Amino acid sequence: MNSFMDWFWLMIWWFAFVMYLVILFQIVADIFRDRQLSGWLKALWVIALVVVPFISAFIYIIARGRSMGNRQAEQMTQARAETDAYIRSVAAGAPASTPAAQISDAKALLDSGAIDEREFAALKAKALA
């Protein structure tokens, strides 16, 4: 590293290497995400990515790039739907937000004997605050 240009080209090469690794990991993830490929074809693609990595990565992107994007979008849509369903299920079980509902819940606890008068008064004061 005797000059700025040596350092600059080293950074360019590192960037290219990291970019290649990101593309390679995306391809490998897509190979195993694809349900239409048989196990043998998946194994062949992985072997090709190990033996001739650049050529096979370019061929995969050219041949299967569009379906690769579709599978990624489908996975993101499914993940969003699962997240939304989880949020809805948690929100449905959330405690009531109105003071009247909180007081009625505290009264039910008092009637069942789970809390005493002092705790009921504290919950009622908290709900009305």
Protein backbone atom coordinates (compact mmCIF):
# COMPACT_ATOMS: atom_id res chain seq x y z
CA MET A 1 0.00 0.00 0.00
CA ASN A 2 2.50 2.56 -1.14
CA SER A 3 0.11 4.88 -2.87
CA PHE A 4 -3.45 6.07 -2.81
CA MET A 5 -4.20 4.24 -6.06
CA ASP A 6 -3.14 0.90 -4.56
CA TRP A 7 -5.50 1.49 -1.65
CA PHE A 8 -8.28 2.67 -4.00
CA TRP A 9 -8.05 -0.43 -6.21
CA LEU A 10 -7.97 -2.67 -3.15
CA MET A 11 -11.28 -1.10 -2.03
CA ILE A 12 -12.75 -1.58 -5.51
CA TRP A 13 -11.78 -5.27 -5.48
CA TRP A 14 -13.18 -5.75 -1.97
CA PHE A 15 -16.43 -4.12 -3.04
CA ALA A 16 -16.63 -6.40 -6.09
CA PHE A 17 -15.94 -9.45 -3.92
CA VAL A 18 -18.60 -8.56 -1.36
CA MET A 19 -21.07 -7.81 -4.17
CA TYR A 20 -20.33 -11.22 -5.70
CA LEU A 21 -20.89 -12.93 -2.33
CA VAL A 22 -24.26 -11.20 -1.91
CA ILE A 23 -25.33 -12.33 -5.38
CA LEU A 24 -24.06 -15.85 -4.71
CA PHE A 25 -26.00 -16.11 -1.43
CA GLN A 26 -29.15 -14.82 -3.15
CA ILE A 27 -28.77 -17.45 -5.85
CA VAL A 28 -28.20 -20.27 -3.37
CA ALA A 29 -31.19 -19.15 -1.30
CA ASP A 30 -33.32 -19.03 -4.44
CA ILE A 31 -32.19 -22.50 -5.52
CA PHE A 32 -33.39 -23.98 -2.25
CA ARG A 33 -36.57 -21.84 -2.21
CA ASP A 34 -37.67 -23.04 -5.65
CA ARG A 35 -40.20 -25.86 -5.33
CA GLN A 36 -40.21 -26.66 -9.04
CA LEU A 37 -36.58 -27.78 -9.15
CA SER A 38 -35.85 -31.36 -8.22
CA GLY A 39 -33.19 -32.24 -5.69
CA TRP A 40 -30.82 -33.35 -8.44
CA LEU A 41 -31.11 -30.07 -10.31
CA LYS A 42 -30.53 -28.15 -7.09
CA ALA A 43 -27.41 -30.22 -6.46
CA LEU A 44 -26.20 -29.59 -10.02
CA TRP A 45 -26.67 -25.83 -9.65
CA VAL A 46 -24.76 -25.81 -6.36
CA ILE A 47 -21.93 -27.89 -7.86
CA ALA A 48 -21.80 -25.54 -10.86
CA LEU A 49 -21.63 -22.54 -8.50
CA VAL A 50 -18.66 -24.13 -6.73
CA VAL A 51 -16.77 -25.35 -9.83
CA VAL A 52 -17.33 -22.40 -12.18
CA PRO A 53 -18.82 -19.71 -9.95
CA PHE A 54 -18.91 -16.63 -12.18
CA ILE A 55 -20.19 -18.33 -15.32
CA SER A 56 -22.84 -20.36 -13.52
CA ALA A 57 -23.99 -17.30 -11.53
CA PHE A 58 -24.42 -15.30 -14.73
CA ILE A 59 -26.23 -18.19 -16.42
CA TYR A 60 -28.56 -18.60 -13.43
CA ILE A 61 -29.40 -14.90 -13.33
CA ILE A 62 -30.04 -14.80 -17.08
CA ALA A 63 -32.05 -18.03 -17.22
CA ARG A 64 -33.99 -17.79 -13.96
CA GLY A 65 -33.79 -14.13 -12.94
CA ARG A 66 -37.43 -13.29 -13.51
CA SER A 67 -38.73 -16.27 -11.55
CA MET A 68 -36.12 -15.51 -8.89
CA GLY A 69 -37.70 -12.09 -8.41
CA ASN A 70 -41.19 -13.57 -8.34
CA ARG A 71 -40.22 -16.07 -5.64
CA GLN A 72 -38.63 -13.29 -3.58
CA ALA A 73 -41.77 -11.13 -3.89
CA GLU A 74 -43.97 -14.12 -2.98
CA GLN A 75 -41.88 -14.79 0.12
CA MET A 76 -42.05 -11.14 1.20
CA THR A 77 -45.85 -11.10 0.70
CA GLN A 78 -46.21 -14.26 2.77
CA ALA A 79 -43.98 -12.86 5.53
CA ARG A 80 -46.01 -9.64 5.60
CA ALA A 81 -49.29 -11.58 5.79
CA GLU A 82 -47.96 -13.67 8.67
CA THR A 83 -46.75 -10.56 10.50
CA ASP A 84 -50.10 -8.81 10.01
CA ALA A 85 -51.96 -11.89 11.26
CA TYR A 86 -49.73 -12.04 14.33
CA ILE A 87 -50.24 -8.34 15.07
CA ARG A 88 -54.01 -8.73 14.73
CA SER A 89 -54.04 -11.72 17.08
CA VAL A 90 -51.97 -9.89 19.69
CA ALA A 91 -54.05 -6.71 19.36
CA ALA A 92 -57.28 -8.66 19.79
CA GLY A 93 -56.05 -10.04 23.10
CA ALA A 94 -54.85 -6.65 24.35
CA PRO A 95 -56.47 -5.21 27.44
CA ALA A 96 -59.40 -2.88 26.93
CA SER A 97 -58.37 0.73 26.56
CA THR A 98 -61.46 2.50 27.84
CA PRO A 99 -61.64 3.32 31.56
CA ALA A 100 -65.10 1.76 31.85
CA ALA A 101 -63.84 -1.55 30.43
CA GLN A 102 -60.80 -1.49 32.73
CA ILE A 103 -63.04 -0.87 35.77
CA SER A 104 -65.44 -3.65 34.77
CA ASP A 105 -62.49 -6.04 34.36
CA ALA A 106 -61.21 -5.03 37.81
CA LYS A 107 -64.73 -5.54 39.25
CA ALA A 108 -64.82 -9.04 37.74
CA LEU A 109 -61.49 -9.78 39.41
CA LEU A 110 -62.84 -8.44 42.70
CA ASP A 111 -66.00 -10.56 42.42
CA SER A 112 -63.95 -13.69 41.67
CA GLY A 113 -61.77 -13.06 44.71
CA ALA A 114 -58.56 -12.62 42.75
CA ILE A 115 -58.03 -9.14 44.21
CA ASP A 116 -59.19 -7.39 47.36
CA GLU A 117 -60.93 -4.02 47.88
CA ARG A 118 -57.63 -2.12 48.17
CA GLU A 119 -56.31 -3.47 44.85
CA PHE A 120 -59.68 -2.79 43.21
CA ALA A 121 -59.55 0.82 44.38
CA ALA A 122 -56.00 1.15 43.02
CA LEU A 123 -57.01 -0.26 39.64
CA LYS A 124 -60.07 1.98 39.54
CA ALA A 125 -57.99 5.07 40.35
CA LYS A 126 -55.44 4.09 37.68
CA ALA A 127 -58.22 3.65 35.08
CA LEU A 128 -59.76 7.03 35.92
CA ALA A 129 -56.40 8.86 35.88
